[in-house]
C-alpha cells in the first residue's frame, strides 16, 4: 500500500500540472467538436484518463496524510 501511495504522490506532485493542461486542452477541443458535430471519441478518452489520474492522485495524497 505504501508503494502505491508513493507512486501517486509522485504523479500528483510532478505530473499534476501536465495532467491539468491535458485535461483543459481536451475539454476545449471536445466543446469545439461538439459545436461542429465532429467525432469526440479520442478526446473523451484522454479527458477521462487525465481526470481519473488527477482525482486518484488527490485522493492518495489525502490518504498519505493520514499515515
C-alpha atoms as a PDB file:
ATOM      1  CA  UNK A   1       0.000   0.000   0.000  1.00  0.00           C
ATOM      2  CA  UNK A   2       2.834   2.364   0.802  1.00  0.00           C
ATOM      3  CA  UNK A   3       4.405   1.908  -2.625  1.00  0.00           C
ATOM      4  CA  UNK A   4       1.077   2.780  -4.274  1.00  0.00           C
ATOM      5  CA  UNK A   5       0.825   5.937  -2.168  1.00  0.00           C
ATOM      6  CA  UNK A   6       4.379   6.910  -3.107  1.00  0.00           C
ATOM      7  CA  UNK A   7       3.654   6.386  -6.808  1.00  0.00           C
ATOM      8  CA  UNK A   8       0.516   8.519  -6.768  1.00  0.00           C
ATOM      9  CA  UNK A   9       2.179  11.148  -4.589  1.00  0.00           C
ATOM     10  CA  UNK A  10       4.879  11.490  -7.265  1.00  0.00           C
ATOM     11  CA  UNK A  11       2.257  11.616 -10.012  1.00  0.00           C
ATOM     12  CA  UNK A  12       0.361  14.250  -8.074  1.00  0.00           C
ATOM     13  CA  UNK A  13       3.408  16.325  -7.254  1.00  0.00           C
ATOM     14  CA  UNK A  14       5.345  16.086 -10.512  1.00  0.00           C
ATOM     15  CA  UNK A  15       2.769  15.480 -13.230  1.00  0.00           C
ATOM     16  CA  UNK A  16      -0.306  17.316 -11.926  1.00  0.00           C
ATOM     17  CA  UNK A  17       0.389  20.480 -13.991  1.00  0.00           C
ATOM     18  CA  UNK A  18       0.807  18.360 -17.126  1.00  0.00           C
ATOM     19  CA  UNK A  19      -2.368  16.387 -16.393  1.00  0.00           C
ATOM     20  CA  UNK A  20      -4.293  19.623 -15.823  1.00  0.00           C
ATOM     21  CA  UNK A  21      -3.087  21.039 -19.139  1.00  0.00           C
ATOM     22  CA  UNK A  22      -4.086  17.830 -20.935  1.00  0.00           C
ATOM     23  CA  UNK A  23      -7.487  17.948 -19.242  1.00  0.00           C
ATOM     24  CA  UNK A  24      -8.137  21.583 -20.187  1.00  0.00           C
ATOM     25  CA  UNK A  25      -6.979  21.233 -23.790  1.00  0.00           C
ATOM     26  CA  UNK A  26      -9.115  18.148 -24.361  1.00  0.00           C
ATOM     27  CA  UNK A  27     -12.124  19.787 -22.740  1.00  0.00           C
ATOM     28  CA  UNK A  28     -11.844  22.801 -25.044  1.00  0.00           C
ATOM     29  CA  UNK A  29     -11.338  20.504 -28.029  1.00  0.00           C
ATOM     30  CA  UNK A  30     -14.435  18.474 -27.142  1.00  0.00           C
ATOM     31  CA  UNK A  31     -16.524  21.629 -26.808  1.00  0.00           C
ATOM     32  CA  UNK A  32     -15.386  22.817 -30.246  1.00  0.00           C
ATOM     33  CA  UNK A  33     -16.017  19.417 -31.825  1.00  0.00           C
ATOM     34  CA  UNK A  34     -19.491  19.094 -30.301  1.00  0.00           C
ATOM     35  CA  UNK A  35     -20.349  22.506 -31.712  1.00  0.00           C
ATOM     36  CA  UNK A  36     -19.303  21.325 -35.193  1.00  0.00           C
ATOM     37  CA  UNK A  37     -20.798  17.812 -34.848  1.00  0.00           C
ATOM     38  CA  UNK A  38     -17.395  16.077 -35.111  1.00  0.00           C
ATOM     39  CA  UNK A  39     -16.137  12.832 -33.562  1.00  0.00           C
ATOM     40  CA  UNK A  40     -15.012  13.301 -29.926  1.00  0.00           C
ATOM     41  CA  UNK A  41     -14.037   9.727 -29.009  1.00  0.00           C
ATOM     42  CA  UNK A  42     -10.252  10.252 -28.852  1.00  0.00           C
ATOM     43  CA  UNK A  43     -10.536  13.451 -26.824  1.00  0.00           C
ATOM     44  CA  UNK A  44     -13.068  11.896 -24.469  1.00  0.00           C
ATOM     45  CA  UNK A  45     -10.715   9.019 -23.708  1.00  0.00           C
ATOM     46  CA  UNK A  46      -7.815  11.369 -22.930  1.00  0.00           C
ATOM     47  CA  UNK A  47     -10.086  13.613 -20.876  1.00  0.00           C
ATOM     48  CA  UNK A  48     -11.274  10.638 -18.825  1.00  0.00           C
ATOM     49  CA  UNK A  49      -7.752   9.292 -18.267  1.00  0.00           C
ATOM     50  CA  UNK A  50      -6.363  12.655 -17.178  1.00  0.00           C
ATOM     51  CA  UNK A  51      -9.344  13.380 -14.897  1.00  0.00           C
ATOM     52  CA  UNK A  52      -9.091   9.944 -13.294  1.00  0.00           C
ATOM     53  CA  UNK A  53      -5.365  10.361 -12.610  1.00  0.00           C
ATOM     54  CA  UNK A  54      -5.928  13.845 -11.169  1.00  0.00           C
ATOM     55  CA  UNK A  55      -8.682  12.680  -8.812  1.00  0.00           C
ATOM     56  CA  UNK A  56      -6.904   9.475  -7.817  1.00  0.00           C
ATOM     57  CA  UNK A  57      -3.685  11.386  -7.074  1.00  0.00           C
ATOM     58  CA  UNK A  58      -5.538  13.885  -4.889  1.00  0.00           C
ATOM     59  CA  UNK A  59      -7.234  11.033  -3.018  1.00  0.00           C
ATOM     60  CA  UNK A  60      -3.954   9.176  -2.482  1.00  0.00           C
ATOM     61  CA  UNK A  61      -2.224  12.319  -1.238  1.00  0.00           C
ATOM     62  CA  UNK A  62      -5.080  12.719   1.235  1.00  0.00           C
ATOM     63  CA  UNK A  63      -4.671   9.103   2.337  1.00  0.00           C
ATOM     64  CA  UNK A  64      -0.917   9.578   2.680  1.00  0.00           C
ATOM     65  CA  UNK A  65      -1.607  12.442   5.095  1.00  0.00           C
ATOM     66  CA  UNK A  66      -3.312  10.035   7.477  1.00  0.00           C
ATOM     67  CA  UNK A  67      -0.199   7.850   7.852  1.00  0.00           C
END
